[in-house]
C-alpha atoms as a PDB file:
ATOM      1  CA  UNK A   1     -49.743 -17.346  67.267  1.00  0.00           C
ATOM      2  CA  UNK A   2     -50.428 -14.945  70.111  1.00  0.00           C
ATOM      3  CA  UNK A   3     -46.741 -14.615  71.073  1.00  0.00           C
ATOM      4  CA  UNK A   4     -45.895 -13.890  67.415  1.00  0.00           C
ATOM      5  CA  UNK A   5     -48.504 -11.155  67.299  1.00  0.00           C
ATOM      6  CA  UNK A   6     -47.123  -9.744  70.579  1.00  0.00           C
ATOM      7  CA  UNK A   7     -43.606  -9.677  69.133  1.00  0.00           C
ATOM      8  CA  UNK A   8     -44.686  -7.965  65.991  1.00  0.00           C
ATOM      9  CA  UNK A   9     -46.739  -5.435  67.981  1.00  0.00           C
ATOM     10  CA  UNK A  10     -43.761  -4.680  70.230  1.00  0.00           C
ATOM     11  CA  UNK A  11     -41.528  -4.231  67.215  1.00  0.00           C
ATOM     12  CA  UNK A  12     -43.938  -1.711  65.679  1.00  0.00           C
ATOM     13  CA  UNK A  13     -44.214   0.067  69.033  1.00  0.00           C
ATOM     14  CA  UNK A  14     -40.436   0.321  69.413  1.00  0.00           C
ATOM     15  CA  UNK A  15     -40.021   1.650  65.894  1.00  0.00           C
ATOM     16  CA  UNK A  16     -42.768   4.193  66.513  1.00  0.00           C
ATOM     17  CA  UNK A  17     -41.123   5.241  69.804  1.00  0.00           C
ATOM     18  CA  UNK A  18     -37.794   5.698  68.009  1.00  0.00           C
ATOM     19  CA  UNK A  19     -39.548   7.779  65.312  1.00  0.00           C
ATOM     20  CA  UNK A  20     -41.307   9.836  67.968  1.00  0.00           C
ATOM     21  CA  UNK A  21     -38.019  10.434  69.778  1.00  0.00           C
ATOM     22  CA  UNK A  22     -36.347  11.556  66.563  1.00  0.00           C
ATOM     23  CA  UNK A  23     -39.316  13.851  65.929  1.00  0.00           C
ATOM     24  CA  UNK A  24     -38.897  15.342  69.400  1.00  0.00           C
ATOM     25  CA  UNK A  25     -35.121  15.682  69.059  1.00  0.00           C
ATOM     26  CA  UNK A  26     -35.389  17.269  65.622  1.00  0.00           C
ATOM     27  CA  UNK A  27     -38.014  19.729  66.762  1.00  0.00           C
ATOM     28  CA  UNK A  28     -35.923  20.649  69.830  1.00  0.00           C
ATOM     29  CA  UNK A  29     -32.820  21.289  67.772  1.00  0.00           C
ATOM     30  CA  UNK A  30     -34.825  23.206  65.201  1.00  0.00           C
ATOM     31  CA  UNK A  31     -36.385  25.501  67.827  1.00  0.00           C
ATOM     32  CA  UNK A  32     -33.061  26.110  69.587  1.00  0.00           C
ATOM     33  CA  UNK A  33     -31.362  26.806  66.282  1.00  0.00           C
ATOM     34  CA  UNK A  34     -34.119  29.156  65.173  1.00  0.00           C
ATOM     35  CA  UNK A  35     -34.502  31.064  68.421  1.00  0.00           C
ATOM     36  CA  UNK A  36     -30.962  31.248  69.813  1.00  0.00           C
ATOM     37  CA  UNK A  37     -28.849  31.210  66.621  1.00  0.00           C
ATOM     38  CA  UNK A  38     -31.325  32.502  64.030  1.00  0.00           C
ATOM     39  CA  UNK A  39     -30.520  29.446  61.942  1.00  0.00           C
ATOM     40  CA  UNK A  40     -33.145  26.668  61.780  1.00  0.00           C
ATOM     41  CA  UNK A  41     -32.339  23.114  60.743  1.00  0.00           C
ATOM     42  CA  UNK A  42     -32.507  22.900  56.960  1.00  0.00           C
ATOM     43  CA  UNK A  43     -35.498  20.724  56.039  1.00  0.00           C
ATOM     44  CA  UNK A  44     -36.638  20.576  59.639  1.00  0.00           C
ATOM     45  CA  UNK A  45     -40.307  20.846  58.697  1.00  0.00           C
ATOM     46  CA  UNK A  46     -39.948  18.024  56.164  1.00  0.00           C
ATOM     47  CA  UNK A  47     -38.324  15.738  58.754  1.00  0.00           C
ATOM     48  CA  UNK A  48     -41.048  16.615  61.250  1.00  0.00           C
ATOM     49  CA  UNK A  49     -43.765  15.668  58.772  1.00  0.00           C
ATOM     50  CA  UNK A  50     -42.054  12.417  57.826  1.00  0.00           C
ATOM     51  CA  UNK A  51     -41.378  11.311  61.420  1.00  0.00           C
ATOM     52  CA  UNK A  52     -44.911  12.173  62.424  1.00  0.00           C
ATOM     53  CA  UNK A  53     -46.390  10.110  59.605  1.00  0.00           C
ATOM     54  CA  UNK A  54     -44.051   7.211  60.421  1.00  0.00           C
ATOM     55  CA  UNK A  55     -45.084   7.303  64.105  1.00  0.00           C
ATOM     56  CA  UNK A  56     -48.796   7.384  63.321  1.00  0.00           C
ATOM     57  CA  UNK A  57     -48.785   4.657  60.699  1.00  0.00           C
ATOM     58  CA  UNK A  58     -46.554   2.382  62.799  1.00  0.00           C
ATOM     59  CA  UNK A  59     -48.988   2.530  65.740  1.00  0.00           C
ATOM     60  CA  UNK A  60     -52.168   1.869  63.809  1.00  0.00           C
ATOM     61  CA  UNK A  61     -51.814  -1.993  63.820  1.00  0.00           C
ATOM     62  CA  UNK A  62     -51.143  -1.961  67.618  1.00  0.00           C
ATOM     63  CA  UNK A  63     -54.088   0.326  68.317  1.00  0.00           C
ATOM     64  CA  UNK A  64     -56.262  -2.001  66.205  1.00  0.00           C
ATOM     65  CA  UNK A  65     -55.077  -5.193  67.899  1.00  0.00           C
ATOM     66  CA  UNK A  66     -55.575  -3.718  71.368  1.00  0.00           C
ATOM     67  CA  UNK A  67     -59.028  -2.381  70.340  1.00  0.00           C
ATOM     68  CA  UNK A  68     -57.941   1.187  71.304  1.00  0.00           C
ATOM     69  CA  UNK A  69     -59.744   2.979  68.510  1.00  0.00           C
ATOM     70  CA  UNK A  70     -62.344   5.500  69.471  1.00  0.00           C
ATOM     71  CA  UNK A  71     -65.720   3.825  69.634  1.00  0.00           C
ATOM     72  CA  UNK A  72     -69.200   4.784  70.795  1.00  0.00           C
ATOM     73  CA  UNK A  73     -71.506   2.145  72.274  1.00  0.00           C
ATOM     74  CA  UNK A  74     -75.145   3.245  72.119  1.00  0.00           C
ATOM     75  CA  UNK A  75     -76.829   0.094  73.338  1.00  0.00           C
ATOM     76  CA  UNK A  76     -73.976  -1.694  75.112  1.00  0.00           C
ATOM     77  CA  UNK A  77     -75.921  -2.998  78.070  1.00  0.00           C
ATOM     78  CA  UNK A  78     -78.745  -4.486  75.994  1.00  0.00           C
ATOM     79  CA  UNK A  79     -76.730  -6.805  73.734  1.00  0.00           C
ATOM     80  CA  UNK A  80     -76.265 -10.515  73.929  1.00  0.00           C
ATOM     81  CA  UNK A  81     -72.997 -12.338  73.212  1.00  0.00           C
ATOM     82  CA  UNK A  82     -74.146 -13.174  69.712  1.00  0.00           C
ATOM     83  CA  UNK A  83     -74.946  -9.534  68.916  1.00  0.00           C
ATOM     84  CA  UNK A  84     -71.597  -8.438  70.407  1.00  0.00           C
ATOM     85  CA  UNK A  85     -69.808 -10.980  68.204  1.00  0.00           C
ATOM     86  CA  UNK A  86     -71.717  -9.849  65.108  1.00  0.00           C
ATOM     87  CA  UNK A  87     -70.907  -6.187  65.883  1.00  0.00           C
ATOM     88  CA  UNK A  88     -67.217  -7.093  66.343  1.00  0.00           C
ATOM     89  CA  UNK A  89     -67.147  -9.012  63.042  1.00  0.00           C
ATOM     90  CA  UNK A  90     -68.895  -6.121  61.213  1.00  0.00           C
ATOM     91  CA  UNK A  91     -66.469  -3.579  62.665  1.00  0.00           C
ATOM     92  CA  UNK A  92     -63.489  -5.757  61.720  1.00  0.00           C
ATOM     93  CA  UNK A  93     -64.734  -6.273  58.193  1.00  0.00           C
ATOM     94  CA  UNK A  94     -65.494  -2.584  57.709  1.00  0.00           C
ATOM     95  CA  UNK A  95     -62.175  -1.558  59.249  1.00  0.00           C
ATOM     96  CA  UNK A  96     -60.236  -4.056  57.107  1.00  0.00           C
ATOM     97  CA  UNK A  97     -62.050  -2.926  53.963  1.00  0.00           C
ATOM     98  CA  UNK A  98     -61.511   0.776  54.624  1.00  0.00           C
ATOM     99  CA  UNK A  99     -57.827   0.411  55.564  1.00  0.00           C
ATOM    100  CA  UNK A 100     -57.304  -1.862  52.566  1.00  0.00           C
ATOM    101  CA  UNK A 101     -58.889   0.807  50.342  1.00  0.00           C
ATOM    102  CA  UNK A 102     -56.789   3.565  51.887  1.00  0.00           C
ATOM    103  CA  UNK A 103     -53.603   1.432  51.486  1.00  0.00           C
ATOM    104  CA  UNK A 104     -54.416   0.696  47.879  1.00  0.00           C
ATOM    105  CA  UNK A 105     -55.013   4.381  47.060  1.00  0.00           C
ATOM    106  CA  UNK A 106     -51.831   5.506  48.860  1.00  0.00           C
ATOM    107  CA  UNK A 107     -49.894   2.833  46.912  1.00  0.00           C
ATOM    108  CA  UNK A 108     -51.210   4.213  43.591  1.00  0.00           C
ATOM    109  CA  UNK A 109     -50.230   7.751  44.635  1.00  0.00           C
ATOM    110  CA  UNK A 110     -46.763   6.463  45.667  1.00  0.00           C
ATOM    111  CA  UNK A 111     -46.266   4.868  42.259  1.00  0.00           C
ATOM    112  CA  UNK A 112     -47.247   8.154  40.525  1.00  0.00           C
ATOM    113  CA  UNK A 113     -44.936  10.039  42.837  1.00  0.00           C
ATOM    114  CA  UNK A 114     -42.115   7.631  41.973  1.00  0.00           C
ATOM    115  CA  UNK A 115     -42.769   7.942  38.212  1.00  0.00           C
ATOM    116  CA  UNK A 116     -42.716  11.763  38.440  1.00  0.00           C
ATOM    117  CA  UNK A 117     -39.662  11.811  40.689  1.00  0.00           C
ATOM    118  CA  UNK A 118     -41.391  13.821  43.389  1.00  0.00           C
ATOM    119  CA  UNK A 119     -39.139  14.810  46.311  1.00  0.00           C
ATOM    120  CA  UNK A 120     -39.326  17.043  49.316  1.00  0.00           C
ATOM    121  CA  UNK A 121     -38.263  20.636  48.479  1.00  0.00           C
ATOM    122  CA  UNK A 122     -35.247  21.085  50.800  1.00  0.00           C
ATOM    123  CA  UNK A 123     -33.757  17.675  51.439  1.00  0.00           C
ATOM    124  CA  UNK A 124     -34.818  16.034  48.166  1.00  0.00           C
ATOM    125  CA  UNK A 125     -36.162  12.927  49.967  1.00  0.00           C
ATOM    126  CA  UNK A 126     -38.157  10.843  47.485  1.00  0.00           C
ATOM    127  CA  UNK A 127     -41.855  11.024  48.504  1.00  0.00           C
ATOM    128  CA  UNK A 128     -42.568   7.523  47.197  1.00  0.00           C
ATOM    129  CA  UNK A 129     -40.624   5.856  50.005  1.00  0.00           C
ATOM    130  CA  UNK A 130     -42.621   7.129  52.962  1.00  0.00           C
ATOM    131  CA  UNK A 131     -45.853   6.833  50.952  1.00  0.00           C
ATOM    132  CA  UNK A 132     -45.169   3.164  50.207  1.00  0.00           C
ATOM    133  CA  UNK A 133     -44.429   2.611  53.880  1.00  0.00           C
ATOM    134  CA  UNK A 134     -47.715   4.218  54.790  1.00  0.00           C
ATOM    135  CA  UNK A 135     -49.515   2.016  52.299  1.00  0.00           C
ATOM    136  CA  UNK A 136     -47.935  -1.166  53.683  1.00  0.00           C
ATOM    137  CA  UNK A 137     -48.830  -0.138  57.244  1.00  0.00           C
ATOM    138  CA  UNK A 138     -52.449   0.361  56.098  1.00  0.00           C
ATOM    139  CA  UNK A 139     -52.459  -3.133  54.623  1.00  0.00           C
ATOM    140  CA  UNK A 140     -51.007  -4.549  57.881  1.00  0.00           C
ATOM    141  CA  UNK A 141     -53.695  -2.665  59.814  1.00  0.00           C
ATOM    142  CA  UNK A 142     -56.355  -4.176  57.516  1.00  0.00           C
ATOM    143  CA  UNK A 143     -55.049  -7.654  58.321  1.00  0.00           C
ATOM    144  CA  UNK A 144     -54.952  -6.740  62.028  1.00  0.00           C
ATOM    145  CA  UNK A 145     -58.617  -5.819  61.878  1.00  0.00           C
ATOM    146  CA  UNK A 146     -59.408  -9.297  60.650  1.00  0.00           C
ATOM    147  CA  UNK A 147     -57.239 -10.802  63.401  1.00  0.00           C
ATOM    148  CA  UNK A 148     -59.290  -8.969  66.072  1.00  0.00           C
ATOM    149  CA  UNK A 149     -62.181 -11.262  65.284  1.00  0.00           C
ATOM    150  CA  UNK A 150     -60.271 -14.178  66.826  1.00  0.00           C
ATOM    151  CA  UNK A 151     -57.668 -12.467  69.033  1.00  0.00           C
ATOM    152  CA  UNK A 152     -59.521 -10.253  71.532  1.00  0.00           C
ATOM    153  CA  UNK A 153     -57.144  -8.010  73.597  1.00  0.00           C
ATOM    154  CA  UNK A 154     -59.617  -5.981  75.727  1.00  0.00           C
END
């Protein structure tokens, strides 16, 4: 089970790295085109937004599994193992519930966007596709939160 989780995490990390590289490359070409040739990349802003969203949402399950979210421990030194476990379970359930809710709402917005035929202004990229991807990654992150109860990576 653990090696499967590692492989899935590595896959998401590689895809996010590719997306981040494409974001960097697109921004570089857009800045050079704008400043040196007075001709920016058509739809460069749209591509930047999409690649940024892809990078962020692909990394959420890995950050969850590795427990790399921002957290504040107020009474960390005073807790027993049982209380630590209860806090971890509560955090996992809350995280899973919230990311499940976010994924569900994004999916509803994606369906509306698909029905209306919403696209980006310059490149005419259908907005439903990246929104559905974001929703799926939120659902995967919700599942990952539940996995952190049993698979501790810190």
